[in-house]
Amino acid sequence: MNVKDQFDLTGRVAVITGGAGLLGVKHAEAVAEMGGSPVLADVDAARAKAAAAAITARYGVPATGQKVDITKTASVKKISRSIAAPLWSGGHSY
């Protein structure tokens, strides 16, 4: 069994806080390389969306960038709802 088989993330979604930062982008790339769909969550929505677009182009998986302030409960709840609603109907697993 190879690494891809052992860590296959096809059909799974990973939310990465600090997703627009260097480590966040690298984590999102690793998720995408293994077939997962990364959600780059960051206070800098523009950078998160740009990084997500680059990941989608490079790895061919759906990736999104969304604004979130993880120090604010309302912000976390909002992003949770916005991520979960469309994905539940799309057959992704968590």
PDB file of N, CA and C in Angstrom:
ATOM      1  N   MET A   1       0.844  -1.177   0.000  1.00  0.00           N
ATOM      2  CA  MET A   1       0.000   0.000   0.000  1.00  0.00           C
ATOM      3  C   MET A   1       0.890   1.241   0.000  1.00  0.00           C
ATOM      4  N   ASN A   2       0.575   2.202  -0.874  1.00  0.00           N
ATOM      5  CA  ASN A   2       1.399   3.411  -0.943  1.00  0.00           C
ATOM      6  C   ASN A   2       0.818   4.526  -0.063  1.00  0.00           C
ATOM      7  N   VAL A   3       1.549   5.619   0.032  1.00  0.00           N
ATOM      8  CA  VAL A   3       1.156   6.736   0.889  1.00  0.00           C
ATOM      9  C   VAL A   3      -0.187   7.304   0.461  1.00  0.00           C
ATOM     10  N   LYS A   4      -0.392   7.474  -0.835  1.00  0.00           N
ATOM     11  CA  LYS A   4      -1.665   8.020  -1.343  1.00  0.00           C
ATOM     12  C   LYS A   4      -2.836   7.149  -0.893  1.00  0.00           C
ATOM     13  N   ASP A   5      -2.683   5.844  -0.954  1.00  0.00           N
ATOM     14  CA  ASP A   5      -3.759   4.948  -0.518  1.00  0.00           C
ATOM     15  C   ASP A   5      -4.001   5.055   0.991  1.00  0.00           C
ATOM     16  N   GLN A   6      -2.948   5.178   1.749  1.00  0.00           N
ATOM     17  CA  GLN A   6      -3.074   5.245   3.202  1.00  0.00           C
ATOM     18  C   GLN A   6      -3.687   6.561   3.685  1.00  0.00           C
ATOM     19  N   PHE A   7      -3.410   7.629   2.956  1.00  0.00           N
ATOM     20  CA  PHE A   7      -3.862   8.953   3.382  1.00  0.00           C
ATOM     21  C   PHE A   7      -4.793   9.607   2.371  1.00  0.00           C
ATOM     22  N   ASP A   8      -5.521   8.816   1.632  1.00  0.00           N
ATOM     23  CA  ASP A   8      -6.445   9.326   0.623  1.00  0.00           C
ATOM     24  C   ASP A   8      -7.538  10.168   1.287  1.00  0.00           C
ATOM     25  N   LEU A   9      -7.689  11.402   0.841  1.00  0.00           N
ATOM     26  CA  LEU A   9      -8.690  12.314   1.401  1.00  0.00           C
ATOM     27  C   LEU A   9      -9.789  12.635   0.388  1.00  0.00           C
ATOM     28  N   THR A  10      -9.875  11.864  -0.669  1.00  0.00           N
ATOM     29  CA  THR A  10     -10.892  12.100  -1.679  1.00  0.00           C
ATOM     30  C   THR A  10     -12.279  12.135  -1.036  1.00  0.00           C
ATOM     31  N   GLY A  11     -13.050  13.178  -1.362  1.00  0.00           N
ATOM     32  CA  GLY A  11     -14.392  13.320  -0.826  1.00  0.00           C
ATOM     33  C   GLY A  11     -14.456  13.897   0.575  1.00  0.00           C
ATOM     34  N   ARG A  12     -13.321  14.281   1.119  1.00  0.00           N
ATOM     35  CA  ARG A  12     -13.288  14.847   2.477  1.00  0.00           C
ATOM     36  C   ARG A  12     -12.957  16.333   2.410  1.00  0.00           C
ATOM     37  N   VAL A  13     -13.396  17.042   3.427  1.00  0.00           N
ATOM     38  CA  VAL A  13     -13.177  18.480   3.526  1.00  0.00           C
ATOM     39  C   VAL A  13     -12.345  18.762   4.759  1.00  0.00           C
ATOM     40  N   ALA A  14     -11.348  19.610   4.606  1.00  0.00           N
ATOM     41  CA  ALA A  14     -10.516  20.025   5.737  1.00  0.00           C
ATOM     42  C   ALA A  14     -10.571  21.541   5.859  1.00  0.00           C
ATOM     43  N   VAL A  15     -10.942  22.023   7.032  1.00  0.00           N
ATOM     44  CA  VAL A  15     -10.955  23.457   7.307  1.00  0.00           C
ATOM     45  C   VAL A  15      -9.621  23.811   7.952  1.00  0.00           C
ATOM     46  N   ILE A  16      -8.930  24.755   7.345  1.00  0.00           N
ATOM     47  CA  ILE A  16      -7.598  25.130   7.809  1.00  0.00           C
ATOM     48  C   ILE A  16      -7.640  26.577   8.278  1.00  0.00           C
ATOM     49  N   THR A  17      -7.570  26.771   9.593  1.00  0.00           N
ATOM     50  CA  THR A  17      -7.554  28.134  10.119  1.00  0.00           C
ATOM     51  C   THR A  17      -6.164  28.720   9.905  1.00  0.00           C
ATOM     52  N   GLY A  18      -6.128  30.007   9.659  1.00  0.00           N
ATOM     53  CA  GLY A  18      -4.864  30.640   9.279  1.00  0.00           C
ATOM     54  C   GLY A  18      -4.471  30.207   7.876  1.00  0.00           C
ATOM     55  N   GLY A  19      -5.470  29.888   7.067  1.00  0.00           N
ATOM     56  CA  GLY A  19      -5.254  29.307   5.744  1.00  0.00           C
ATOM     57  C   GLY A  19      -4.522  30.182   4.755  1.00  0.00           C
ATOM     58  N   ALA A  20      -4.508  31.489   4.965  1.00  0.00           N
ATOM     59  CA  ALA A  20      -3.813  32.376   4.029  1.00  0.00           C
ATOM     60  C   ALA A  20      -2.335  32.535   4.365  1.00  0.00           C
ATOM     61  N   GLY A  21      -1.928  32.063   5.531  1.00  0.00           N
ATOM     62  CA  GLY A  21      -0.528  32.162   5.926  1.00  0.00           C
ATOM     63  C   GLY A  21       0.309  31.061   5.290  1.00  0.00           C
ATOM     64  N   LEU A  22       1.609  31.157   5.427  1.00  0.00           N
ATOM     65  CA  LEU A  22       2.530  30.207   4.796  1.00  0.00           C
ATOM     66  C   LEU A  22       2.224  28.764   5.195  1.00  0.00           C
ATOM     67  N   LEU A  23       2.119  28.491   6.479  1.00  0.00           N
ATOM     68  CA  LEU A  23       1.850  27.120   6.919  1.00  0.00           C
ATOM     69  C   LEU A  23       0.443  26.680   6.544  1.00  0.00           C
ATOM     70  N   GLY A  24      -0.513  27.604   6.606  1.00  0.00           N
ATOM     71  CA  GLY A  24      -1.877  27.272   6.211  1.00  0.00           C
ATOM     72  C   GLY A  24      -1.963  26.849   4.755  1.00  0.00           C
ATOM     73  N   VAL A  25      -1.282  27.575   3.902  1.00  0.00           N
ATOM     74  CA  VAL A  25      -1.276  27.237   2.472  1.00  0.00           C
ATOM     75  C   VAL A  25      -0.606  25.880   2.256  1.00  0.00           C
ATOM     76  N   LYS A  26       0.482  25.640   2.941  1.00  0.00           N
ATOM     77  CA  LYS A  26       1.179  24.354   2.799  1.00  0.00           C
ATOM     78  C   LYS A  26       0.300  23.197   3.272  1.00  0.00           C
ATOM     79  N   HIS A  27      -0.425  23.394   4.371  1.00  0.00           N
ATOM     80  CA  HIS A  27      -1.346  22.359   4.831  1.00  0.00           C
ATOM     81  C   HIS A  27      -2.465  22.138   3.808  1.00  0.00           C
ATOM     82  N   ALA A  28      -2.978  23.218   3.249  1.00  0.00           N
ATOM     83  CA  ALA A  28      -4.040  23.112   2.247  1.00  0.00           C
ATOM     84  C   ALA A  28      -3.537  22.387   1.001  1.00  0.00           C
ATOM     85  N   GLU A  29      -2.311  22.652   0.605  1.00  0.00           N
ATOM     86  CA  GLU A  29      -1.729  21.950  -0.546  1.00  0.00           C
ATOM     87  C   GLU A  29      -1.605  20.456  -0.258  1.00  0.00           C
ATOM     88  N   ALA A  30      -1.218  20.110   0.954  1.00  0.00           N
ATOM     89  CA  ALA A  30      -1.093  18.692   1.312  1.00  0.00           C
ATOM     90  C   ALA A  30      -2.450  18.000   1.268  1.00  0.00           C
ATOM     91  N   VAL A  31      -3.483  18.658   1.769  1.00  0.00           N
ATOM     92  CA  VAL A  31      -4.835  18.105   1.712  1.00  0.00           C
ATOM     93  C   VAL A  31      -5.246  17.915   0.258  1.00  0.00           C
ATOM     94  N   ALA A  32      -5.012  18.927  -0.560  1.00  0.00           N
ATOM     95  CA  ALA A  32      -5.389  18.865  -1.981  1.00  0.00           C
ATOM     96  C   ALA A  32      -4.619  17.778  -2.718  1.00  0.00           C
ATOM     97  N   GLU A  33      -3.341  17.642  -2.421  1.00  0.00           N
ATOM     98  CA  GLU A  33      -2.526  16.612  -3.071  1.00  0.00           C
ATOM     99  C   GLU A  33      -3.069  15.218  -2.793  1.00  0.00           C
ATOM    100  N   MET A  34      -3.672  15.038  -1.639  1.00  0.00           N
ATOM    101  CA  MET A  34      -4.246  13.748  -1.278  1.00  0.00           C
ATOM    102  C   MET A  34      -5.719  13.638  -1.678  1.00  0.00           C
ATOM    103  N   GLY A  35      -6.195  14.605  -2.470  1.00  0.00           N
ATOM    104  CA  GLY A  35      -7.539  14.526  -3.025  1.00  0.00           C
ATOM    105  C   GLY A  35      -8.626  15.208  -2.229  1.00  0.00           C
ATOM    106  N   GLY A  36      -8.276  15.801  -1.090  1.00  0.00           N
ATOM    107  CA  GLY A  36      -9.268  16.472  -0.256  1.00  0.00           C
ATOM    108  C   GLY A  36      -9.583  17.868  -0.746  1.00  0.00           C
ATOM    109  N   SER A  37     -10.635  18.427  -0.190  1.00  0.00           N
ATOM    110  CA  SER A  37     -11.066  19.787  -0.528  1.00  0.00           C
ATOM    111  C   SER A  37     -10.754  20.708   0.647  1.00  0.00           C
ATOM    112  N   PRO A  38      -9.715  21.534   0.530  1.00  0.00           N
ATOM    113  CA  PRO A  38      -9.378  22.418   1.638  1.00  0.00           C
ATOM    114  C   PRO A  38     -10.220  23.691   1.645  1.00  0.00           C
ATOM    115  N   VAL A  39     -10.583  24.111   2.843  1.00  0.00           N
ATOM    116  CA  VAL A  39     -11.224  25.404   3.055  1.00  0.00           C
ATOM    117  C   VAL A  39     -10.210  26.240   3.810  1.00  0.00           C
ATOM    118  N   LEU A  40      -9.712  27.281   3.170  1.00  0.00           N
ATOM    119  CA  LEU A  40      -8.719  28.146   3.786  1.00  0.00           C
ATOM    120  C   LEU A  40      -9.464  29.258   4.515  1.00  0.00           C
ATOM    121  N   ALA A  41      -9.490  29.194   5.828  1.00  0.00           N
ATOM    122  CA  ALA A  41     -10.208  30.148   6.661  1.00  0.00           C
ATOM    123  C   ALA A  41      -9.210  31.118   7.274  1.00  0.00           C
ATOM    124  N   ASP A  42      -9.454  32.407   7.067  1.00  0.00           N
ATOM    125  CA  ASP A  42      -8.477  33.398   7.515  1.00  0.00           C
ATOM    126  C   ASP A  42      -9.164  34.750   7.680  1.00  0.00           C
ATOM    127  N   VAL A  43      -8.586  35.622   8.481  1.00  0.00           N
ATOM    128  CA  VAL A  43      -9.123  36.978   8.600  1.00  0.00           C
ATOM    129  C   VAL A  43      -8.894  37.772   7.321  1.00  0.00           C
ATOM    130  N   ASP A  44      -7.932  37.365   6.531  1.00  0.00           N
ATOM    131  CA  ASP A  44      -7.650  38.016   5.244  1.00  0.00           C
ATOM    132  C   ASP A  44      -8.329  37.223   4.127  1.00  0.00           C
ATOM    133  N   ALA A  45      -9.577  37.559   3.863  1.00  0.00           N
ATOM    134  CA  ALA A  45     -10.377  36.817   2.883  1.00  0.00           C
ATOM    135  C   ALA A  45      -9.766  36.860   1.482  1.00  0.00           C
ATOM    136  N   ALA A  46      -9.233  37.992   1.088  1.00  0.00           N
ATOM    137  CA  ALA A  46      -8.673  38.123  -0.261  1.00  0.00           C
ATOM    138  C   ALA A  46      -7.496  37.166  -0.465  1.00  0.00           C
ATOM    139  N   ARG A  47      -6.607  37.099   0.495  1.00  0.00           N
ATOM    140  CA  ARG A  47      -5.457  36.180   0.388  1.00  0.00           C
ATOM    141  C   ARG A  47      -5.905  34.730   0.447  1.00  0.00           C
ATOM    142  N   ALA A  48      -6.885  34.436   1.292  1.00  0.00           N
ATOM    143  CA  ALA A  48      -7.395  33.066   1.399  1.00  0.00           C
ATOM    144  C   ALA A  48      -8.027  32.631   0.074  1.00  0.00           C
ATOM    145  N   LYS A  49      -8.809  33.507  -0.534  1.00  0.00           N
ATOM    146  CA  LYS A  49      -9.459  33.183  -1.807  1.00  0.00           C
ATOM    147  C   LYS A  49      -8.435  33.032  -2.922  1.00  0.00           C
ATOM    148  N   ALA A  50      -7.421  33.872  -2.938  1.00  0.00           N
ATOM    149  CA  ALA A  50      -6.377  33.767  -3.963  1.00  0.00           C
ATOM    150  C   ALA A  50      -5.601  32.462  -3.822  1.00  0.00           C
ATOM    151  N   ALA A  51      -5.267  32.105  -2.601  1.00  0.00           N
ATOM    152  CA  ALA A  51      -4.543  30.852  -2.369  1.00  0.00           C
ATOM    153  C   ALA A  51      -5.411  29.656  -2.751  1.00  0.00           C
ATOM    154  N   ALA A  52      -6.697  29.711  -2.430  1.00  0.00           N
ATOM    155  CA  ALA A  52      -7.614  28.615  -2.776  1.00  0.00           C
ATOM    156  C   ALA A  52      -7.725  28.459  -4.290  1.00  0.00           C
ATOM    157  N   ALA A  53      -7.795  29.571  -5.004  1.00  0.00           N
ATOM    158  CA  ALA A  53      -7.878  29.515  -6.467  1.00  0.00           C
ATOM    159  C   ALA A  53      -6.620  28.877  -7.054  1.00  0.00           C
ATOM    160  N   ALA A  54      -5.469  29.227  -6.503  1.00  0.00           N
ATOM    161  CA  ALA A  54      -4.213  28.641  -6.979  1.00  0.00           C
ATOM    162  C   ALA A  54      -4.165  27.139  -6.696  1.00  0.00           C
ATOM    163  N   ILE A  55      -4.672  26.724  -5.553  1.00  0.00           N
ATOM    164  CA  ILE A  55      -4.692  25.301  -5.206  1.00  0.00           C
ATOM    165  C   ILE A  55      -5.625  24.534  -6.127  1.00  0.00           C
ATOM    166  N   THR A  56      -6.793  25.098  -6.397  1.00  0.00           N
ATOM    167  CA  THR A  56      -7.726  24.456  -7.327  1.00  0.00           C
ATOM    168  C   THR A  56      -7.087  24.295  -8.705  1.00  0.00           C
ATOM    169  N   ALA A  57      -6.421  25.340  -9.167  1.00  0.00           N
ATOM    170  CA  ALA A  57      -5.772  25.277 -10.483  1.00  0.00           C
ATOM    171  C   ALA A  57      -4.661  24.235 -10.518  1.00  0.00           C
ATOM    172  N   ARG A  58      -3.894  24.137  -9.455  1.00  0.00           N
ATOM    173  CA  ARG A  58      -2.745  23.226  -9.434  1.00  0.00           C
ATOM    174  C   ARG A  58      -3.147  21.770  -9.212  1.00  0.00           C
ATOM    175  N   TYR A  59      -4.105  21.532  -8.307  1.00  0.00           N
ATOM    176  CA  TYR A  59      -4.419  20.162  -7.902  1.00  0.00           C
ATOM    177  C   TYR A  59      -5.738  19.638  -8.456  1.00  0.00           C
ATOM    178  N   GLY A  60      -6.554  20.523  -9.021  1.00  0.00           N
ATOM    179  CA  GLY A  60      -7.814  20.093  -9.624  1.00  0.00           C
ATOM    180  C   GLY A  60      -8.877  19.655  -8.634  1.00  0.00           C
ATOM    181  N   VAL A  61      -8.793  20.151  -7.407  1.00  0.00           N
ATOM    182  CA  VAL A  61      -9.814  19.844  -6.395  1.00  0.00           C
ATOM    183  C   VAL A  61     -10.517  21.143  -6.013  1.00  0.00           C
ATOM    184  N   PRO A  62     -11.761  21.040  -5.531  1.00  0.00           N
ATOM    185  CA  PRO A  62     -12.407  22.263  -5.072  1.00  0.00           C
ATOM    186  C   PRO A  62     -11.743  22.773  -3.797  1.00  0.00           C
ATOM    187  N   ALA A  63     -11.329  24.007  -3.830  1.00  0.00           N
ATOM    188  CA  ALA A  63     -10.762  24.660  -2.651  1.00  0.00           C
ATOM    189  C   ALA A  63     -11.430  26.024  -2.534  1.00  0.00           C
ATOM    190  N   THR A  64     -11.697  26.444  -1.312  1.00  0.00           N
ATOM    191  CA  THR A  64     -12.320  27.743  -1.104  1.00  0.00           C
ATOM    192  C   THR A  64     -11.564  28.525  -0.048  1.00  0.00           C
ATOM    193  N   GLY A  65     -11.665  29.828  -0.149  1.00  0.00           N
ATOM    194  CA  GLY A  65     -11.112  30.724   0.855  1.00  0.00           C
ATOM    195  C   GLY A  65     -12.243  31.511   1.464  1.00  0.00           C
ATOM    196  N   GLN A  66     -12.276  31.556   2.784  1.00  0.00           N
ATOM    197  CA  GLN A  66     -13.354  32.249   3.478  1.00  0.00           C
ATOM    198  C   GLN A  66     -12.814  33.069   4.634  1.00  0.00           C
ATOM    199  N   LYS A  67     -13.504  34.184   4.886  1.00  0.00           N
ATOM    200  CA  LYS A  67     -13.120  35.049   5.998  1.00  0.00           C
ATOM    201  C   LYS A  67     -13.659  34.469   7.299  1.00  0.00           C
ATOM    202  N   VAL A  68     -12.808  34.416   8.306  1.00  0.00           N
ATOM    203  CA  VAL A  68     -13.218  34.022   9.648  1.00  0.00           C
ATOM    204  C   VAL A  68     -12.263  34.639  10.660  1.00  0.00           C
ATOM    205  N   ASP A  69     -12.822  35.037  11.777  1.00  0.00           N
ATOM    206  CA  ASP A  69     -12.036  35.476  12.926  1.00  0.00           C
ATOM    207  C   ASP A  69     -12.300  34.444  14.012  1.00  0.00           C
ATOM    208  N   ILE A  70     -11.362  33.546  14.232  1.00  0.00           N
ATOM    209  CA  ILE A  70     -11.608  32.437  15.157  1.00  0.00           C
ATOM    210  C   ILE A  70     -11.710  32.880  16.614  1.00  0.00           C
ATOM    211  N   THR A  71     -11.445  34.152  16.889  1.00  0.00           N
ATOM    212  CA  THR A  71     -11.625  34.658  18.252  1.00  0.00           C
ATOM    213  C   THR A  71     -13.060  35.130  18.492  1.00  0.00           C
ATOM    214  N   LYS A  72     -13.893  35.094  17.447  1.00  0.00           N
ATOM    215  CA  LYS A  72     -15.291  35.546  17.536  1.00  0.00           C
ATOM    216  C   LYS A  72     -16.227  34.366  17.282  1.00  0.00           C
ATOM    217  N   THR A  73     -16.994  33.987  18.281  1.00  0.00           N
ATOM    218  CA  THR A  73     -17.907  32.844  18.168  1.00  0.00           C
ATOM    219  C   THR A  73     -18.851  32.999  16.985  1.00  0.00           C
ATOM    220  N   ALA A  74     -19.404  34.170  16.794  1.00  0.00           N
ATOM    221  CA  ALA A  74     -20.355  34.390  15.693  1.00  0.00           C
ATOM    222  C   ALA A  74     -19.691  34.151  14.339  1.00  0.00           C
ATOM    223  N   SER A  75     -18.445  34.537  14.197  1.00  0.00           N
ATOM    224  CA  SER A  75     -17.715  34.328  12.945  1.00  0.00           C
ATOM    225  C   SER A  75     -17.493  32.843  12.682  1.00  0.00           C
ATOM    226  N   VAL A  76     -17.146  32.105  13.729  1.00  0.00           N
ATOM    227  CA  VAL A  76     -16.929  30.655  13.591  1.00  0.00           C
ATOM    228  C   VAL A  76     -18.236  29.950  13.240  1.00  0.00           C
ATOM    229  N   LYS A  77     -19.318  30.330  13.895  1.00  0.00           N
ATOM    230  CA  LYS A  77     -20.615  29.726  13.579  1.00  0.00           C
ATOM    231  C   LYS A  77     -21.021  30.018  12.140  1.00  0.00           C
ATOM    232  N   LYS A  78     -20.780  31.232  11.692  1.00  0.00           N
ATOM    233  CA  LYS A  78     -21.144  31.618  10.331  1.00  0.00           C
ATOM    234  C   LYS A  78     -20.382  30.786   9.304  1.00  0.00           C
ATOM    235  N   ILE A  79     -19.086  30.650   9.472  1.00  0.00           N
ATOM    236  CA  ILE A  79     -18.308  29.871   8.500  1.00  0.00           C
ATOM    237  C   ILE A  79     -18.688  28.393   8.578  1.00  0.00           C
ATOM    238  N   SER A  80     -18.986  27.902   9.774  1.00  0.00           N
ATOM    239  CA  SER A  80     -19.386  26.504   9.915  1.00  0.00           C
ATOM    240  C   SER A  80     -20.645  26.220   9.112  1.00  0.00           C
ATOM    241  N   ARG A  81     -21.626  27.100   9.222  1.00  0.00           N
ATOM    242  CA  ARG A  81     -22.868  26.926   8.459  1.00  0.00           C
ATOM    243  C   ARG A  81     -22.621  27.047   6.966  1.00  0.00           C
ATOM    244  N   SER A  82     -21.799  27.990   6.564  1.00  0.00           N
ATOM    245  CA  SER A  82     -21.570  28.196   5.129  1.00  0.00           C
ATOM    246  C   SER A  82     -20.797  27.041   4.501  1.00  0.00           C
ATOM    247  N   ILE A  83     -19.965  26.366   5.276  1.00  0.00           N
ATOM    248  CA  ILE A  83     -19.215  25.221   4.769  1.00  0.00           C
ATOM    249  C   ILE A  83     -20.096  23.971   4.753  1.00  0.00           C
ATOM    250  N   ALA A  84     -20.800  23.731   5.828  1.00  0.00           N
ATOM    251  CA  ALA A  84     -21.544  22.477   5.977  1.00  0.00           C
ATOM    252  C   ALA A  84     -22.733  22.356   5.038  1.00  0.00           C
ATOM    253  N   ALA A  85     -23.493  23.401   4.860  1.00  0.00           N
ATOM    254  CA  ALA A  85     -24.736  23.303   4.086  1.00  0.00           C
ATOM    255  C   ALA A  85     -24.535  22.735   2.681  1.00  0.00           C
ATOM    256  N   PRO A  86     -23.667  23.320   1.857  1.00  0.00           N
ATOM    257  CA  PRO A  86     -23.527  22.769   0.502  1.00  0.00           C
ATOM    258  C   PRO A  86     -22.818  21.414   0.462  1.00  0.00           C
ATOM    259  N   LEU A  87     -21.975  21.145   1.437  1.00  0.00           N
ATOM    260  CA  LEU A  87     -21.209  19.905   1.404  1.00  0.00           C
ATOM    261  C   LEU A  87     -22.026  18.702   1.838  1.00  0.00           C
ATOM    262  N   TRP A  88     -22.957  18.894   2.752  1.00  0.00           N
ATOM    263  CA  TRP A  88     -23.802  17.771   3.173  1.00  0.00           C
ATOM    264  C   TRP A  88     -24.538  17.199   1.977  1.00  0.00           C
ATOM    265  N   SER A  89     -24.998  18.071   1.104  1.00  0.00           N
ATOM    266  CA  SER A  89     -25.750  17.597  -0.049  1.00  0.00           C
ATOM    267  C   SER A  89     -24.833  17.038  -1.145  1.00  0.00           C
ATOM    268  N   GLY A  90     -23.550  17.316  -1.050  1.00  0.00           N
ATOM    269  CA  GLY A  90     -22.611  16.879  -2.085  1.00  0.00           C
ATOM    270  C   GLY A  90     -21.933  15.552  -1.808  1.00  0.00           C
ATOM    271  N   GLY A  91     -22.246  14.921  -0.700  1.00  0.00           N
ATOM    272  CA  GLY A  91     -21.697  13.611  -0.416  1.00  0.00           C
ATOM    273  C   GLY A  91     -20.311  13.598   0.205  1.00  0.00           C
ATOM    274  N   HIS A  92     -19.829  14.744   0.659  1.00  0.00           N
ATOM    275  CA  HIS A  92     -18.528  14.771   1.328  1.00  0.00           C
ATOM    276  C   HIS A  92     -18.664  14.152   2.711  1.00  0.00           C
ATOM    277  N   SER A  93     -17.573  13.625   3.221  1.00  0.00           N
ATOM    278  CA  SER A  93     -17.573  13.111   4.588  1.00  0.00           C
ATOM    279  C   SER A  93     -16.681  13.973   5.449  1.00  0.00           C
ATOM    280  N   TYR A  94     -16.938  13.931   6.726  1.00  0.00           N
ATOM    281  CA  TYR A  94     -16.190  14.762   7.677  1.00  0.00           C
ATOM    282  C   TYR A  94     -15.463  13.886   8.674  1.00  0.00           C
TER     283      TYR A  94
END
